[in-house]
Amino acid sequence: MPGLNCLPLAGPEAKFLRRAAFLKHNLWVTPYSRDEMYPGGEFPNQNPRINEGLATWVKKNRSLEEADIVLWYVFGITHIPRLEDWPVMPVDRIGFMLMVILLPFYDSFLFSDMYC
């Protein structure tokens, strides 16, 4: 996980967090569901309903065991201007990388006690 990441600086009762509750945490994991494609729910800007999306899906408390999962990683930056940033802000990069850690499968391999 990257170190340069932040949560919104708005308070917990901010109006935009009603429709973008997924911003409250950086990492969410849900079981795969065909209907759950967008972290803010469908059409969050035009939708008059609130409390849709990731925060609502997680409250269902569905089991992750023996299920296909979706990892939702939310990242963003808050630029704190410095004197040298004037008149043009320099590039600021953010991202993440997934690292696969393979368990040693030769420990349980059928011929693991044989020497070559």
N, C-alpha and C. Protein backbone atom coordinates (compact mmCIF):
# COMPACT_ATOMS: atom_id res chain seq x y z
N MET A 1 0.85 -1.17 0.00
CA MET A 1 0.00 0.00 0.00
C MET A 1 0.89 1.24 0.00
N PRO A 2 0.47 2.26 -0.68
CA PRO A 2 1.29 3.47 -0.71
C PRO A 2 1.21 4.24 0.59
N GLY A 3 2.20 5.05 0.84
CA GLY A 3 2.21 5.87 2.04
C GLY A 3 1.57 7.23 1.81
N LEU A 4 1.57 7.70 0.58
CA LEU A 4 1.01 9.01 0.28
C LEU A 4 -0.46 8.86 -0.07
N ASN A 5 -1.29 8.83 0.93
CA ASN A 5 -2.71 8.68 0.73
C ASN A 5 -3.42 9.39 1.86
N CYS A 6 -4.60 9.88 1.61
CA CYS A 6 -5.31 10.59 2.68
C CYS A 6 -6.81 10.36 2.55
N LEU A 7 -7.47 10.52 3.66
CA LEU A 7 -8.92 10.49 3.69
C LEU A 7 -9.41 11.91 3.47
N PRO A 8 -10.69 12.11 3.17
CA PRO A 8 -11.18 13.48 2.97
C PRO A 8 -10.99 14.32 4.22
N LEU A 9 -10.70 15.58 4.03
CA LEU A 9 -10.51 16.48 5.16
C LEU A 9 -11.84 17.02 5.69
N ALA A 10 -12.94 16.69 5.04
CA ALA A 10 -14.26 17.14 5.49
C ALA A 10 -14.68 16.37 6.74
N GLY A 11 -15.56 16.96 7.50
CA GLY A 11 -16.08 16.31 8.69
C GLY A 11 -17.00 15.15 8.35
N PRO A 12 -17.31 14.30 9.32
CA PRO A 12 -18.11 13.10 9.04
C PRO A 12 -19.55 13.42 8.60
N GLU A 13 -20.04 14.62 8.86
CA GLU A 13 -21.40 14.99 8.47
C GLU A 13 -21.44 15.80 7.17
N ALA A 14 -20.34 15.84 6.44
CA ALA A 14 -20.31 16.60 5.18
C ALA A 14 -21.34 16.03 4.21
N LYS A 15 -22.01 16.91 3.48
CA LYS A 15 -23.09 16.47 2.59
C LYS A 15 -22.60 15.54 1.49
N PHE A 16 -21.41 15.80 0.95
CA PHE A 16 -20.95 14.95 -0.16
C PHE A 16 -20.63 13.54 0.30
N LEU A 17 -20.35 13.34 1.60
CA LEU A 17 -20.07 12.00 2.10
C LEU A 17 -21.33 11.13 2.16
N ARG A 18 -22.50 11.73 2.08
CA ARG A 18 -23.73 10.93 2.05
C ARG A 18 -23.80 10.13 0.75
N ARG A 19 -23.33 10.73 -0.33
CA ARG A 19 -23.37 10.05 -1.63
C ARG A 19 -22.03 9.42 -1.98
N ALA A 20 -21.00 9.76 -1.26
CA ALA A 20 -19.67 9.20 -1.52
C ALA A 20 -19.10 8.63 -0.23
N ALA A 21 -19.87 7.78 0.43
CA ALA A 21 -19.45 7.20 1.71
C ALA A 21 -18.24 6.30 1.55
N PHE A 22 -17.95 5.87 0.32
CA PHE A 22 -16.78 5.02 0.09
C PHE A 22 -15.48 5.75 0.38
N LEU A 23 -15.51 7.07 0.49
CA LEU A 23 -14.30 7.84 0.78
C LEU A 23 -13.87 7.75 2.24
N LYS A 24 -14.71 7.20 3.09
CA LYS A 24 -14.41 7.16 4.53
C LYS A 24 -13.29 6.18 4.87
N HIS A 25 -13.03 5.20 4.01
CA HIS A 25 -11.96 4.22 4.24
C HIS A 25 -11.19 4.02 2.95
N ASN A 26 -9.93 3.64 3.08
CA ASN A 26 -9.11 3.42 1.89
C ASN A 26 -9.27 2.04 1.28
N LEU A 27 -9.64 1.06 2.07
CA LEU A 27 -9.70 -0.32 1.58
C LEU A 27 -11.04 -0.95 1.96
N TRP A 28 -11.69 -1.52 0.97
CA TRP A 28 -12.95 -2.23 1.16
C TRP A 28 -12.82 -3.58 0.46
N VAL A 29 -13.43 -4.60 1.01
CA VAL A 29 -13.47 -5.92 0.37
C VAL A 29 -14.90 -6.41 0.44
N THR A 30 -15.44 -6.76 -0.72
CA THR A 30 -16.81 -7.27 -0.79
C THR A 30 -16.84 -8.52 -1.64
N PRO A 31 -17.82 -9.40 -1.42
CA PRO A 31 -17.97 -10.52 -2.35
C PRO A 31 -18.47 -9.98 -3.69
N TYR A 32 -18.07 -10.63 -4.76
CA TYR A 32 -18.47 -10.17 -6.09
C TYR A 32 -19.98 -10.27 -6.26
N SER A 33 -20.56 -9.22 -6.79
CA SER A 33 -21.97 -9.21 -7.15
C SER A 33 -22.09 -8.42 -8.44
N ARG A 34 -22.80 -8.95 -9.37
CA ARG A 34 -22.94 -8.31 -10.68
C ARG A 34 -23.58 -6.92 -10.57
N ASP A 35 -24.41 -6.71 -9.58
CA ASP A 35 -25.11 -5.43 -9.41
C ASP A 35 -24.25 -4.37 -8.74
N GLU A 36 -23.12 -4.74 -8.18
CA GLU A 36 -22.28 -3.80 -7.43
C GLU A 36 -21.06 -3.43 -8.26
N MET A 37 -21.25 -2.47 -9.14
CA MET A 37 -20.18 -2.10 -10.06
C MET A 37 -19.52 -0.76 -9.72
N TYR A 38 -20.24 0.13 -9.06
CA TYR A 38 -19.74 1.48 -8.84
C TYR A 38 -19.72 1.77 -7.34
N PRO A 39 -18.58 2.23 -6.80
CA PRO A 39 -18.46 2.40 -5.35
C PRO A 39 -19.44 3.39 -4.74
N GLY A 40 -19.92 4.34 -5.53
CA GLY A 40 -20.90 5.31 -5.03
C GLY A 40 -22.33 4.93 -5.36
N GLY A 41 -22.55 3.74 -5.86
CA GLY A 41 -23.87 3.35 -6.33
C GLY A 41 -24.05 3.85 -7.76
N GLU A 42 -25.16 3.51 -8.35
CA GLU A 42 -25.40 3.95 -9.73
C GLU A 42 -25.80 5.42 -9.75
N PHE A 43 -25.17 6.18 -10.61
CA PHE A 43 -25.46 7.59 -10.83
C PHE A 43 -25.50 8.39 -9.53
N PRO A 44 -24.42 8.46 -8.77
CA PRO A 44 -24.46 9.14 -7.47
C PRO A 44 -24.77 10.64 -7.56
N ASN A 45 -24.40 11.29 -8.66
CA ASN A 45 -24.67 12.73 -8.76
C ASN A 45 -26.13 13.02 -9.05
N GLN A 46 -26.80 12.17 -9.82
CA GLN A 46 -28.18 12.41 -10.18
C GLN A 46 -29.17 11.68 -9.26
N ASN A 47 -28.68 10.76 -8.49
CA ASN A 47 -29.56 9.92 -7.68
C ASN A 47 -29.98 10.67 -6.41
N PRO A 48 -31.27 10.85 -6.18
CA PRO A 48 -31.70 11.55 -4.97
C PRO A 48 -31.53 10.71 -3.70
N ARG A 49 -31.38 9.40 -3.86
CA ARG A 49 -31.22 8.54 -2.68
C ARG A 49 -29.80 8.65 -2.15
N ILE A 50 -29.67 8.50 -0.86
CA ILE A 50 -28.34 8.53 -0.24
C ILE A 50 -28.08 7.18 0.39
N ASN A 51 -26.88 7.01 0.89
CA ASN A 51 -26.46 5.77 1.55
C ASN A 51 -26.55 4.57 0.63
N GLU A 52 -26.05 4.73 -0.57
CA GLU A 52 -25.92 3.61 -1.49
C GLU A 52 -24.44 3.39 -1.75
N GLY A 53 -24.11 2.25 -2.25
CA GLY A 53 -22.73 1.98 -2.62
C GLY A 53 -22.00 1.13 -1.60
N LEU A 54 -20.69 1.28 -1.56
CA LEU A 54 -19.84 0.40 -0.74
C LEU A 54 -20.24 0.35 0.73
N ALA A 55 -20.51 1.50 1.32
CA ALA A 55 -20.85 1.51 2.75
C ALA A 55 -22.09 0.66 3.04
N THR A 56 -23.06 0.70 2.16
CA THR A 56 -24.27 -0.09 2.33
C THR A 56 -24.01 -1.56 2.06
N TRP A 57 -23.21 -1.86 1.04
CA TRP A 57 -22.92 -3.25 0.71
C TRP A 57 -22.16 -3.94 1.83
N VAL A 58 -21.26 -3.23 2.48
CA VAL A 58 -20.47 -3.83 3.56
C VAL A 58 -21.35 -4.10 4.78
N LYS A 59 -22.35 -3.27 5.01
CA LYS A 59 -23.24 -3.46 6.16
C LYS A 59 -24.06 -4.75 6.05
N LYS A 60 -24.15 -5.32 4.87
CA LYS A 60 -24.87 -6.59 4.70
C LYS A 60 -24.14 -7.74 5.39
N ASN A 61 -22.85 -7.54 5.67
CA ASN A 61 -22.04 -8.51 6.41
C ASN A 61 -22.05 -9.90 5.75
N ARG A 62 -21.88 -9.93 4.45
CA ARG A 62 -21.86 -11.20 3.71
C ARG A 62 -20.50 -11.88 3.90
N SER A 63 -20.51 -13.17 3.89
CA SER A 63 -19.29 -13.94 4.10
C SER A 63 -18.37 -13.82 2.88
N LEU A 64 -17.07 -13.76 3.15
CA LEU A 64 -16.06 -13.73 2.09
C LEU A 64 -15.45 -15.10 1.84
N GLU A 65 -15.78 -16.06 2.70
CA GLU A 65 -15.22 -17.40 2.55
C GLU A 65 -15.82 -18.09 1.33
N GLU A 66 -14.97 -18.77 0.59
CA GLU A 66 -15.39 -19.52 -0.59
C GLU A 66 -16.14 -18.64 -1.60
N ALA A 67 -15.74 -17.38 -1.69
CA ALA A 67 -16.43 -16.45 -2.60
C ALA A 67 -15.40 -15.70 -3.44
N ASP A 68 -15.82 -15.32 -4.63
CA ASP A 68 -15.00 -14.40 -5.42
C ASP A 68 -15.11 -13.04 -4.76
N ILE A 69 -13.98 -12.40 -4.55
CA ILE A 69 -14.01 -11.12 -3.85
C ILE A 69 -13.60 -9.98 -4.77
N VAL A 70 -14.00 -8.79 -4.38
CA VAL A 70 -13.60 -7.57 -5.07
C VAL A 70 -12.90 -6.70 -4.04
N LEU A 71 -11.68 -6.28 -4.37
CA LEU A 71 -10.92 -5.39 -3.50
C LEU A 71 -11.08 -3.98 -4.06
N TRP A 72 -11.65 -3.11 -3.26
CA TRP A 72 -11.86 -1.71 -3.65
C TRP A 72 -10.81 -0.89 -2.92
N TYR A 73 -9.92 -0.30 -3.64
CA TYR A 73 -8.90 0.55 -3.02
C TYR A 73 -9.15 1.99 -3.45
N VAL A 74 -9.44 2.83 -2.49
CA VAL A 74 -9.76 4.23 -2.75
C VAL A 74 -8.55 5.07 -2.37
N PHE A 75 -8.04 5.82 -3.32
CA PHE A 75 -6.91 6.66 -2.99
C PHE A 75 -7.07 8.05 -3.57
N GLY A 76 -6.47 9.00 -2.90
CA GLY A 76 -6.52 10.39 -3.35
C GLY A 76 -5.46 11.19 -2.63
N ILE A 77 -5.25 12.38 -3.10
CA ILE A 77 -4.26 13.24 -2.46
C ILE A 77 -4.90 14.58 -2.13
N THR A 78 -4.37 15.23 -1.14
CA THR A 78 -4.71 16.61 -0.84
C THR A 78 -3.43 17.40 -1.01
N HIS A 79 -3.43 18.28 -1.98
CA HIS A 79 -2.23 19.05 -2.27
C HIS A 79 -2.10 20.19 -1.27
N ILE A 80 -1.02 20.20 -0.54
CA ILE A 80 -0.71 21.30 0.37
C ILE A 80 0.28 22.19 -0.37
N PRO A 81 -0.15 23.38 -0.80
CA PRO A 81 0.72 24.21 -1.63
C PRO A 81 1.95 24.70 -0.88
N ARG A 82 3.04 24.75 -1.62
CA ARG A 82 4.30 25.28 -1.11
C ARG A 82 4.66 26.50 -1.94
N LEU A 83 5.57 27.30 -1.46
CA LEU A 83 5.97 28.51 -2.16
C LEU A 83 6.50 28.20 -3.55
N GLU A 84 7.24 27.11 -3.68
CA GLU A 84 7.81 26.77 -4.98
C GLU A 84 6.78 26.20 -5.96
N ASP A 85 5.54 25.98 -5.52
CA ASP A 85 4.50 25.49 -6.41
C ASP A 85 3.87 26.60 -7.25
N TRP A 86 4.19 27.84 -6.96
CA TRP A 86 3.59 28.95 -7.70
C TRP A 86 4.40 29.25 -8.92
N PRO A 87 3.89 29.53 -10.05
CA PRO A 87 2.49 29.68 -10.44
C PRO A 87 1.88 28.38 -10.95
N VAL A 88 2.66 27.35 -11.14
CA VAL A 88 2.13 26.10 -11.68
C VAL A 88 2.47 24.97 -10.72
N MET A 89 1.46 24.17 -10.39
CA MET A 89 1.69 23.04 -9.50
C MET A 89 2.48 21.97 -10.23
N PRO A 90 3.52 21.42 -9.60
CA PRO A 90 4.25 20.33 -10.23
C PRO A 90 3.41 19.05 -10.23
N VAL A 91 3.91 18.08 -10.90
CA VAL A 91 3.21 16.80 -10.96
C VAL A 91 3.28 16.11 -9.61
N ASP A 92 2.17 15.56 -9.20
CA ASP A 92 2.12 14.76 -7.98
C ASP A 92 1.53 13.42 -8.37
N ARG A 93 2.23 12.34 -8.09
CA ARG A 93 1.80 11.01 -8.52
C ARG A 93 1.29 10.21 -7.34
N ILE A 94 0.32 9.37 -7.64
CA ILE A 94 -0.20 8.46 -6.63
C ILE A 94 -0.63 7.18 -7.34
N GLY A 95 -0.54 6.08 -6.67
CA GLY A 95 -0.92 4.81 -7.27
C GLY A 95 -0.73 3.70 -6.26
N PHE A 96 -0.88 2.49 -6.72
CA PHE A 96 -0.65 1.35 -5.84
C PHE A 96 -0.16 0.18 -6.67
N MET A 97 0.36 -0.81 -5.98
CA MET A 97 0.88 -1.99 -6.64
C MET A 97 0.43 -3.22 -5.86
N LEU A 98 -0.01 -4.22 -6.56
CA LEU A 98 -0.38 -5.48 -5.92
C LEU A 98 0.81 -6.42 -6.00
N MET A 99 1.17 -7.01 -4.88
CA MET A 99 2.27 -7.95 -4.84
C MET A 99 1.71 -9.34 -4.54
N VAL A 100 2.00 -10.25 -5.40
CA VAL A 100 1.56 -11.63 -5.21
C VAL A 100 2.65 -12.37 -4.45
N ILE A 101 2.28 -12.97 -3.34
CA ILE A 101 3.23 -13.75 -2.56
C ILE A 101 2.84 -15.21 -2.73
N LEU A 102 3.68 -15.95 -3.42
CA LEU A 102 3.40 -17.36 -3.67
C LEU A 102 3.86 -18.20 -2.49
N LEU A 103 2.99 -19.01 -2.00
CA LEU A 103 3.36 -19.93 -0.94
C LEU A 103 4.18 -21.06 -1.55
N PRO A 104 5.15 -21.55 -0.84
CA PRO A 104 5.99 -22.61 -1.41
C PRO A 104 5.19 -23.90 -1.63
N PHE A 105 4.87 -24.17 -2.88
CA PHE A 105 4.04 -25.35 -3.13
C PHE A 105 4.88 -26.62 -3.16
N TYR A 106 6.18 -26.51 -3.21
CA TYR A 106 7.02 -27.71 -3.22
C TYR A 106 7.04 -28.40 -1.86
N ASP A 107 6.66 -27.70 -0.79
CA ASP A 107 6.62 -28.35 0.52
C ASP A 107 5.59 -29.48 0.55
N SER A 108 4.53 -29.32 -0.20
CA SER A 108 3.51 -30.36 -0.19
C SER A 108 3.50 -31.16 -1.49
N PHE A 109 4.49 -30.96 -2.32
CA PHE A 109 4.57 -31.66 -3.59
C PHE A 109 4.85 -33.13 -3.32
N LEU A 110 4.33 -33.99 -4.15
CA LEU A 110 4.41 -35.43 -3.95
C LEU A 110 5.85 -35.93 -3.81
N PHE A 111 6.76 -35.40 -4.62
CA PHE A 111 8.14 -35.89 -4.61
C PHE A 111 9.10 -34.93 -3.92
N SER A 112 8.63 -34.21 -2.92
CA SER A 112 9.48 -33.19 -2.29
C SER A 112 10.63 -33.80 -1.49
N ASP A 113 10.55 -35.08 -1.12
CA ASP A 113 11.64 -35.68 -0.34
C ASP A 113 12.69 -36.34 -1.23
N MET A 114 12.53 -36.25 -2.54
CA MET A 114 13.50 -36.85 -3.46
C MET A 114 14.58 -35.82 -3.81
N TYR A 115 15.80 -36.29 -3.96
CA TYR A 115 16.90 -35.42 -4.34
C TYR A 115 17.25 -35.66 -5.80
N CYS A 116 17.65 -34.62 -6.47
CA CYS A 116 18.04 -34.75 -7.87
C CYS A 116 19.52 -35.02 -7.99
